[in-house]
Amino acid sequence: MKVMQLNLFQYIREKFFPNYKPQNHEQLVIDIITLLFNQDDTECITAPISGRYYISNKRLGYWVKIADTAVTITNHKFTYVAQSPLNFNEYVIEVVKEYIERDREEFEKAVFQNELELLSNIKASIEVETKYNKK
């Protein structure tokens, strides 16, 4: 379902943070998150009360936690914590929200397409049954 190529960081930066220039380590964190989002088997969930976001790719063995004050990247060998200015974390959170929104839109299109097919099949079945009973 994740066929979209993500250039969200550039879009978000230009729209919400036009003067923000990530530092080198921040850009690497952005690149890692972008690469993970471009994988079909990457999952992204949110904890709505705490406002945290979790990105995971079990096949690659990487997990990312994005909170208000830090971005944590981990696997079974290491943990890296990027505590950066608030602008960076807000920037990353906006990108994650945009990704979730696009991913859910694709999900809804697929689900509602299935619903339309189901309704069409029900209608056709009723029409066939009605014609059969009239004979």
C-alpha atoms as a PDB file:
ATOM      1  CA  MET A   1       0.000   0.000   0.000  1.00  0.00           C
ATOM      2  CA  LYS A   2       2.965   2.338   0.505  1.00  0.00           C
ATOM      3  CA  VAL A   3       3.761   3.032  -3.129  1.00  0.00           C
ATOM      4  CA  MET A   4       4.287   6.729  -2.561  1.00  0.00           C
ATOM      5  CA  GLN A   5       7.817   8.069  -2.717  1.00  0.00           C
ATOM      6  CA  LEU A   6       8.394  10.437   0.121  1.00  0.00           C
ATOM      7  CA  ASN A   7       9.879  13.837  -0.335  1.00  0.00           C
ATOM      8  CA  LEU A   8       7.917  15.025   2.663  1.00  0.00           C
ATOM      9  CA  PHE A   9      10.819  16.531   4.536  1.00  0.00           C
ATOM     10  CA  GLN A  10      11.443  19.058   1.797  1.00  0.00           C
ATOM     11  CA  TYR A  11       7.729  19.852   1.522  1.00  0.00           C
ATOM     12  CA  ILE A  12       7.334  20.254   5.309  1.00  0.00           C
ATOM     13  CA  ARG A  13      10.509  22.304   5.619  1.00  0.00           C
ATOM     14  CA  GLU A  14       9.439  24.720   2.903  1.00  0.00           C
ATOM     15  CA  LYS A  15       5.854  25.005   4.171  1.00  0.00           C
ATOM     16  CA  PHE A  16       6.243  25.143   7.968  1.00  0.00           C
ATOM     17  CA  PHE A  17       9.936  25.882   8.606  1.00  0.00           C
ATOM     18  CA  PRO A  18      11.160  27.996   5.669  1.00  0.00           C
ATOM     19  CA  ASN A  19      14.255  29.286   7.484  1.00  0.00           C
ATOM     20  CA  TYR A  20      15.224  26.060   9.257  1.00  0.00           C
ATOM     21  CA  LYS A  21      18.440  24.381   8.108  1.00  0.00           C
ATOM     22  CA  PRO A  22      19.110  20.975   9.723  1.00  0.00           C
ATOM     23  CA  GLN A  23      22.564  20.322  11.111  1.00  0.00           C
ATOM     24  CA  ASN A  24      24.547  17.392   9.669  1.00  0.00           C
ATOM     25  CA  HIS A  25      23.470  14.862  12.313  1.00  0.00           C
ATOM     26  CA  GLU A  26      19.852  16.050  12.038  1.00  0.00           C
ATOM     27  CA  GLN A  27      19.944  15.599   8.269  1.00  0.00           C
ATOM     28  CA  LEU A  28      21.196  12.044   8.739  1.00  0.00           C
ATOM     29  CA  VAL A  29      18.287  11.332  11.110  1.00  0.00           C
ATOM     30  CA  ILE A  30      15.907  12.775   8.516  1.00  0.00           C
ATOM     31  CA  ASP A  31      17.463  10.622   5.798  1.00  0.00           C
ATOM     32  CA  ILE A  32      17.107   7.479   7.940  1.00  0.00           C
ATOM     33  CA  ILE A  33      13.434   8.194   8.668  1.00  0.00           C
ATOM     34  CA  THR A  34      12.777   8.920   4.987  1.00  0.00           C
ATOM     35  CA  LEU A  35      14.438   5.661   3.937  1.00  0.00           C
ATOM     36  CA  LEU A  36      12.393   3.730   6.479  1.00  0.00           C
ATOM     37  CA  PHE A  37       9.156   5.351   5.297  1.00  0.00           C
ATOM     38  CA  ASN A  38       9.988   4.342   1.732  1.00  0.00           C
ATOM     39  CA  GLN A  39      10.002   0.653   2.734  1.00  0.00           C
ATOM     40  CA  ASP A  40       6.706  -1.170   2.158  1.00  0.00           C
ATOM     41  CA  ASP A  41       6.999  -3.052   5.437  1.00  0.00           C
ATOM     42  CA  THR A  42       7.630  -0.046   7.681  1.00  0.00           C
ATOM     43  CA  GLU A  43       4.942   0.590  10.277  1.00  0.00           C
ATOM     44  CA  CYS A  44       4.204   3.890  11.965  1.00  0.00           C
ATOM     45  CA  ILE A  45       1.997   4.212  15.022  1.00  0.00           C
ATOM     46  CA  THR A  46       1.229   7.000  17.422  1.00  0.00           C
ATOM     47  CA  ALA A  47       0.557   7.272  21.123  1.00  0.00           C
ATOM     48  CA  PRO A  48      -2.073  10.011  21.055  1.00  0.00           C
ATOM     49  CA  ILE A  49      -1.941  10.999  24.727  1.00  0.00           C
ATOM     50  CA  SER A  50       1.843  11.347  24.951  1.00  0.00           C
ATOM     51  CA  GLY A  51       2.212  12.596  21.380  1.00  0.00           C
ATOM     52  CA  ARG A  52       4.965  10.079  20.635  1.00  0.00           C
ATOM     53  CA  TYR A  53       5.417   8.399  17.267  1.00  0.00           C
ATOM     54  CA  TYR A  54       6.960   4.991  16.683  1.00  0.00           C
ATOM     55  CA  ILE A  55       8.402   3.823  13.388  1.00  0.00           C
ATOM     56  CA  SER A  56       9.445   0.201  13.038  1.00  0.00           C
ATOM     57  CA  ASN A  57      10.799  -2.050  10.355  1.00  0.00           C
ATOM     58  CA  LYS A  58      11.215  -5.569  11.714  1.00  0.00           C
ATOM     59  CA  ARG A  59      12.826  -6.895   8.534  1.00  0.00           C
ATOM     60  CA  LEU A  60      15.591  -4.301   8.717  1.00  0.00           C
ATOM     61  CA  GLY A  61      15.660  -4.381  12.508  1.00  0.00           C
ATOM     62  CA  TYR A  62      15.308  -0.636  13.131  1.00  0.00           C
ATOM     63  CA  TRP A  63      12.964   1.220  15.445  1.00  0.00           C
ATOM     64  CA  VAL A  64      12.530   4.973  15.833  1.00  0.00           C
ATOM     65  CA  LYS A  65      10.788   6.844  18.640  1.00  0.00           C
ATOM     66  CA  ILE A  66       9.943  10.485  18.073  1.00  0.00           C
ATOM     67  CA  ALA A  67       9.008  12.512  21.133  1.00  0.00           C
ATOM     68  CA  ASP A  68       8.787  16.220  21.894  1.00  0.00           C
ATOM     69  CA  THR A  69      12.381  16.443  23.074  1.00  0.00           C
ATOM     70  CA  ALA A  70      14.298  13.732  21.208  1.00  0.00           C
ATOM     71  CA  VAL A  71      14.417  11.265  18.350  1.00  0.00           C
ATOM     72  CA  THR A  72      15.707   7.805  19.292  1.00  0.00           C
ATOM     73  CA  ILE A  73      16.924   5.307  16.698  1.00  0.00           C
ATOM     74  CA  THR A  74      17.691   1.773  17.829  1.00  0.00           C
ATOM     75  CA  ASN A  75      18.300  -1.795  16.746  1.00  0.00           C
ATOM     76  CA  HIS A  76      19.569  -4.837  18.625  1.00  0.00           C
ATOM     77  CA  LYS A  77      23.137  -3.441  18.726  1.00  0.00           C
ATOM     78  CA  PHE A  78      22.868   0.271  19.431  1.00  0.00           C
ATOM     79  CA  THR A  79      20.684   3.174  20.506  1.00  0.00           C
ATOM     80  CA  TYR A  80      21.186   6.702  19.210  1.00  0.00           C
ATOM     81  CA  VAL A  81      19.392   9.637  20.811  1.00  0.00           C
ATOM     82  CA  ALA A  82      19.218  12.928  18.917  1.00  0.00           C
ATOM     83  CA  GLN A  83      18.356  15.693  21.329  1.00  0.00           C
ATOM     84  CA  SER A  84      18.035  18.667  19.073  1.00  0.00           C
ATOM     85  CA  PRO A  85      16.343  22.032  19.174  1.00  0.00           C
ATOM     86  CA  LEU A  86      12.573  22.087  19.366  1.00  0.00           C
ATOM     87  CA  ASN A  87      12.399  23.182  15.719  1.00  0.00           C
ATOM     88  CA  PHE A  88      13.970  19.905  14.617  1.00  0.00           C
ATOM     89  CA  ASN A  89      11.576  17.739  16.635  1.00  0.00           C
ATOM     90  CA  GLU A  90       8.557  19.747  15.462  1.00  0.00           C
ATOM     91  CA  TYR A  91       9.868  19.393  11.927  1.00  0.00           C
ATOM     92  CA  VAL A  92      10.194  15.615  12.204  1.00  0.00           C
ATOM     93  CA  ILE A  93       6.769  15.282  13.868  1.00  0.00           C
ATOM     94  CA  GLU A  94       5.120  17.219  11.020  1.00  0.00           C
ATOM     95  CA  VAL A  95       6.736  14.856   8.524  1.00  0.00           C
ATOM     96  CA  VAL A  96       5.477  11.820  10.430  1.00  0.00           C
ATOM     97  CA  LYS A  97       1.955  13.254  10.596  1.00  0.00           C
ATOM     98  CA  GLU A  98       1.992  13.897   6.858  1.00  0.00           C
ATOM     99  CA  TYR A  99       3.182  10.336   6.220  1.00  0.00           C
ATOM    100  CA  ILE A 100       0.450   8.891   8.444  1.00  0.00           C
ATOM    101  CA  GLU A 101      -2.178  11.004   6.702  1.00  0.00           C
ATOM    102  CA  ARG A 102      -1.074   9.891   3.224  1.00  0.00           C
ATOM    103  CA  ASP A 103      -0.799   6.266   4.319  1.00  0.00           C
ATOM    104  CA  ARG A 104      -4.314   6.340   5.799  1.00  0.00           C
ATOM    105  CA  GLU A 105      -5.700   7.979   2.668  1.00  0.00           C
ATOM    106  CA  GLU A 106      -4.355   5.086   0.590  1.00  0.00           C
ATOM    107  CA  PHE A 107      -5.812   2.631   3.102  1.00  0.00           C
ATOM    108  CA  GLU A 108      -9.220   4.314   2.941  1.00  0.00           C
ATOM    109  CA  LYS A 109      -9.209   4.274  -0.858  1.00  0.00           C
ATOM    110  CA  ALA A 110      -8.552   0.536  -0.840  1.00  0.00           C
ATOM    111  CA  VAL A 111     -11.147  -0.177   1.851  1.00  0.00           C
ATOM    112  CA  PHE A 112     -13.845   1.968   0.285  1.00  0.00           C
ATOM    113  CA  GLN A 113     -13.119   0.481  -3.140  1.00  0.00           C
ATOM    114  CA  ASN A 114     -13.771  -2.948  -1.616  1.00  0.00           C
ATOM    115  CA  GLU A 115     -17.010  -1.625  -0.111  1.00  0.00           C
ATOM    116  CA  LEU A 116     -18.143  -0.345  -3.506  1.00  0.00           C
ATOM    117  CA  GLU A 117     -17.396  -3.706  -5.074  1.00  0.00           C
ATOM    118  CA  LEU A 118     -19.307  -5.439  -2.273  1.00  0.00           C
ATOM    119  CA  LEU A 119     -22.335  -3.172  -2.712  1.00  0.00           C
ATOM    120  CA  SER A 120     -22.264  -3.684  -6.473  1.00  0.00           C
ATOM    121  CA  ASN A 121     -22.177  -7.451  -5.961  1.00  0.00           C
ATOM    122  CA  ILE A 122     -25.101  -7.297  -3.504  1.00  0.00           C
ATOM    123  CA  LYS A 123     -27.111  -5.184  -5.951  1.00  0.00           C
ATOM    124  CA  ALA A 124     -26.365  -7.564  -8.829  1.00  0.00           C
ATOM    125  CA  SER A 125     -27.299 -10.557  -6.673  1.00  0.00           C
ATOM    126  CA  ILE A 126     -30.631  -8.980  -5.724  1.00  0.00           C
ATOM    127  CA  GLU A 127     -31.357  -8.089  -9.346  1.00  0.00           C
ATOM    128  CA  VAL A 128     -30.615 -11.645 -10.483  1.00  0.00           C
ATOM    129  CA  GLU A 129     -32.749 -13.102  -7.702  1.00  0.00           C
ATOM    130  CA  THR A 130     -35.593 -10.711  -8.514  1.00  0.00           C
ATOM    131  CA  LYS A 131     -35.513 -11.669 -12.220  1.00  0.00           C
ATOM    132  CA  TYR A 132     -35.370 -15.380 -11.302  1.00  0.00           C
ATOM    133  CA  ASN A 133     -38.387 -15.149  -8.987  1.00  0.00           C
ATOM    134  CA  LYS A 134     -40.462 -13.293 -11.596  1.00  0.00           C
ATOM    135  CA  LYS A 135     -40.227 -16.252 -13.987  1.00  0.00           C
END
